[in-house]
Protein backbone atom coordinates (compact mmCIF):
# COMPACT_ATOMS: atom_id res chain seq x y z
CA MET A 1 -0.28 0.05 -0.17
CA PRO A 2 1.89 3.35 -1.24
CA SER A 3 2.55 6.02 1.25
CA GLU A 4 1.13 9.42 1.69
CA HIS A 5 3.79 10.53 0.02
CA GLN A 6 4.30 8.74 -2.57
CA ARG A 7 0.33 9.16 -3.12
CA GLU A 8 1.01 12.83 -3.05
CA MET A 9 3.63 12.32 -5.58
CA ARG A 10 1.81 10.14 -8.36
CA TYR A 11 -0.78 12.76 -7.90
CA LEU A 12 1.56 16.02 -8.45
CA ARG A 13 3.35 14.16 -11.48
CA GLN A 14 0.17 13.54 -12.69
CA PHE A 15 -0.43 17.22 -12.82
CA ILE A 16 2.73 18.06 -14.02
CA ALA A 17 2.07 15.86 -17.13
CA HIS A 18 -0.05 18.20 -18.70
CA ASP A 19 2.62 20.48 -19.39
CA ALA A 20 5.38 19.90 -22.02
CA SER A 21 8.06 21.87 -20.80
CA ASP A 22 11.65 21.55 -20.51
CA GLU A 23 11.82 21.84 -16.70
CA ARG A 24 9.02 19.43 -16.30
CA HIS A 25 10.76 16.63 -18.02
CA GLU A 26 13.98 17.40 -15.89
CA MET A 27 11.48 17.02 -12.87
CA GLU A 28 10.41 14.17 -13.91
CA ALA A 29 13.88 12.69 -14.00
CA LYS A 30 14.65 13.77 -10.60
CA ILE A 31 12.07 12.28 -9.29
CA MET A 32 12.26 8.98 -11.25
CA GLN A 33 16.21 8.92 -9.77
CA ALA A 34 15.65 10.15 -6.67
CA GLU A 35 12.17 7.63 -5.72
CA ARG A 36 14.80 4.98 -7.20
CA ASP A 37 17.63 5.50 -5.30
CA GLU A 38 15.33 5.70 -1.98
CA ARG A 39 13.69 2.42 -2.78
CA CYS A 40 17.05 0.26 -2.92
CA VAL A 41 18.43 1.67 -0.24
CA ARG A 42 15.37 0.78 1.80
CA ARG A 43 15.64 -2.72 0.57
CA ALA A 44 19.27 -2.73 1.87
CA VAL A 45 18.25 -1.57 4.97
CA ARG A 46 15.79 -4.48 5.09
CA LEU A 47 18.42 -7.12 3.64
CA MET A 48 20.82 -5.91 7.03
CA ALA A 49 18.17 -6.34 9.36
CA LEU A 50 17.35 -9.99 7.82
CA LEU A 51 20.96 -10.32 8.10
CA GLY A 52 21.21 -9.51 11.74
CA ALA A 53 18.29 -11.53 13.06
CA LEU A 54 19.86 -14.64 11.15
CA ALA A 55 23.38 -14.04 12.82
CA LEU A 56 20.86 -13.86 16.25
CA VAL A 57 19.28 -16.99 14.67
CA GLY A 58 22.53 -18.70 14.44
CA LEU A 59 23.62 -17.71 17.84
CA GLY A 60 20.63 -19.03 19.82
CA TYR A 61 20.75 -22.13 17.94
CA SER A 62 24.38 -22.95 18.65
CA ALA A 63 23.87 -22.17 21.91
CA VAL A 64 20.99 -24.34 22.46
CA LEU A 65 22.93 -27.50 20.52
CA MET A 66 25.93 -27.17 21.88
CA GLU A 67 26.42 -29.67 25.08
CA ASP A 68 28.20 -27.93 27.94
CA TYR A 69 27.62 -24.37 26.86
CA PRO A 70 26.96 -22.63 30.21
CA GLN A 71 30.09 -24.42 31.69
CA ASN A 72 32.17 -23.99 28.75
CA VAL A 73 31.81 -20.13 27.38
CA PRO A 74 35.59 -19.74 25.48
CA ARG A 75 35.17 -23.12 24.01
CA PHE A 76 31.55 -21.66 22.40
CA PHE A 77 33.00 -19.01 20.68
CA THR A 78 35.47 -20.94 18.96
CA HIS A 79 33.05 -23.48 16.73
CA LEU A 80 32.94 -21.66 13.47
CA VAL A 81 29.40 -21.19 13.04
CA VAL A 82 29.57 -19.28 16.50
CA ARG A 83 32.32 -16.86 14.55
CA VAL A 84 30.76 -16.75 11.28
CA SER A 85 27.05 -15.45 13.33
CA CYS A 86 29.25 -13.12 15.45
CA VAL A 87 31.07 -11.25 12.51
CA LEU A 88 27.49 -11.72 10.27
CA GLY A 89 25.53 -9.54 12.95
CA VAL A 90 28.92 -6.95 13.75
CA ALA A 91 29.01 -6.65 9.90
CA SER A 92 24.94 -6.19 9.02
CA LEU A 93 24.69 -3.88 12.42
CA ILE A 94 27.62 -1.26 10.95
CA SER A 95 25.76 -1.84 7.15
CA PHE A 96 22.26 -1.57 8.84
CA LEU A 97 23.70 2.12 10.61
CA ALA A 98 25.41 3.06 7.19
CA PHE A 99 22.67 2.45 4.79
CA ALA A 100 19.62 4.00 7.48
CA GLY A 101 21.62 7.22 7.44
CA VAL A 102 21.82 7.38 3.50
CA TRP A 103 18.15 6.18 3.22
CA GLY A 104 17.74 9.50 5.94
CA PHE A 105 19.88 11.19 2.99
CA TYR A 106 17.73 10.20 0.21
CA ARG A 107 14.48 10.49 1.85
CA GLN A 108 15.29 14.48 3.03
CA ASP A 109 16.16 14.64 -0.96
CA LEU A 110 13.08 13.03 -2.18
CA ALA A 111 11.23 15.50 0.22
CA LYS A 112 13.03 18.47 -1.32
CA ARG A 113 12.44 17.02 -5.04
CA ARG A 114 8.63 16.66 -3.75
CA ASP A 115 8.34 20.98 -2.65
CA GLU A 116 10.48 21.77 -6.39
CA CYS A 117 7.53 19.97 -8.14
CA ARG A 118 4.89 21.46 -6.09
CA ARG A 119 6.19 24.82 -6.93
CA LEU A 120 6.44 23.85 -10.91
CA ALA A 121 2.42 22.69 -10.12
CA ALA A 122 1.99 25.87 -8.64
CA LYS A 123 3.30 28.05 -12.01
CA ILE A 124 1.84 25.69 -14.38
CA LEU A 125 -1.75 26.43 -12.62
CA GLU A 126 -1.04 30.56 -12.71
CA ALA A 127 -0.19 30.23 -15.99
CA ARG A 128 -3.35 28.40 -16.56
CA MET A 129 -5.44 30.61 -14.54
CA GLY A 130 -4.03 33.59 -13.51
CA PRO A 131 -2.36 34.91 -10.33
CA ALA A 132 -3.66 33.77 -7.35
CA GLY A 133 -6.07 36.83 -5.71
CA ALA A 134 -6.25 38.51 -9.12
CA GLN A 135 -10.12 37.77 -9.62
CA PRO A 136 -12.93 37.89 -7.07
CA LEU A 137 -14.50 34.68 -6.27
CA PRO A 138 -18.23 34.70 -7.82
CA ALA A 139 -20.95 35.00 -4.88
CA PRO A 140 -22.45 31.53 -3.98
CA ALA A 141 -26.08 31.31 -5.88
CA GLN A 142 -28.70 31.54 -2.64
CA PRO A 143 -31.89 29.01 -3.54
CA PRO A 144 -34.92 31.45 -3.59
CA ALA A 145 -36.66 32.07 -0.42
CA ALA A 146 -40.16 29.93 -0.38
CA PRO A 147 -43.07 31.87 -0.18
CA ARG A 148 -45.67 31.38 2.59
CA SER A 149 -49.23 30.17 2.17
CA SER A 150 -50.38 31.33 5.41
CA PRO A 151 -48.86 32.37 8.97
CA GLU A 152 -48.58 29.29 10.93
CA PRO A 153 -50.64 29.35 14.52
CA ASP A 154 -48.75 29.97 17.43
CA VAL A 155 -50.03 27.59 20.23
CA SER A 156 -49.01 28.71 24.07
CA ARG A 157 -50.65 27.76 27.26
CA LYS A 158 -52.78 30.05 29.32
CA PRO A 159 -50.75 31.16 32.44
CA GLY A 160 -52.58 29.44 35.82
CA ARG A 161 -53.55 25.90 34.06
CA GLY A 162 -51.69 22.67 35.22
CA ALA A 163 -50.86 20.19 32.27
CA ASP A 164 -53.72 18.06 32.52
CA GLU A 165 -56.32 20.70 31.96
CA PRO A 166 -57.21 21.95 28.33
CA GLY A 167 -55.91 25.08 28.15
CA LEU A 168 -54.43 25.60 24.64
CA GLU A 169 -55.05 28.48 22.69
CA LEU A 170 -54.32 28.78 18.98
CA THR A 171 -53.90 32.69 18.04
CA GLN A 172 -52.74 33.99 14.83
CA SER A 173 -49.26 36.24 14.59
């Protein structure tokens, strides 16, 4: 499911597609490149998280299957599977942090491109419809008032009478 930013970019790209200028073509190419870069780095972040989880599972699996794990911890770290899991875990953690930083940079770049696209869309709209506030908006149409055929009777209670006694009086207003 696309995020709010992706839906907004899709809308803006459809909007500026009605312009045939070179600026629009450049903007669209920059946006496509920024989206592609951000998507690639996001996948790398996910892969590093998966590899880190795999390393933790390998360490846990080795600890459970080792006969004398709690008593002989130094021997535990000499097994090949444990060493590979440790190296994989540390490498994936370092890579995860690096890719997360790059991902943040690409998200900022994409946000900057989105702002530029908004400005271009406003420029296109202004070129087609005129500057904002130049022409007053037309007054909203009001529906005609319905004619009253007869006045409605005013129903009121005479003072001093109880609720169970007949005392309603019809008066014309």
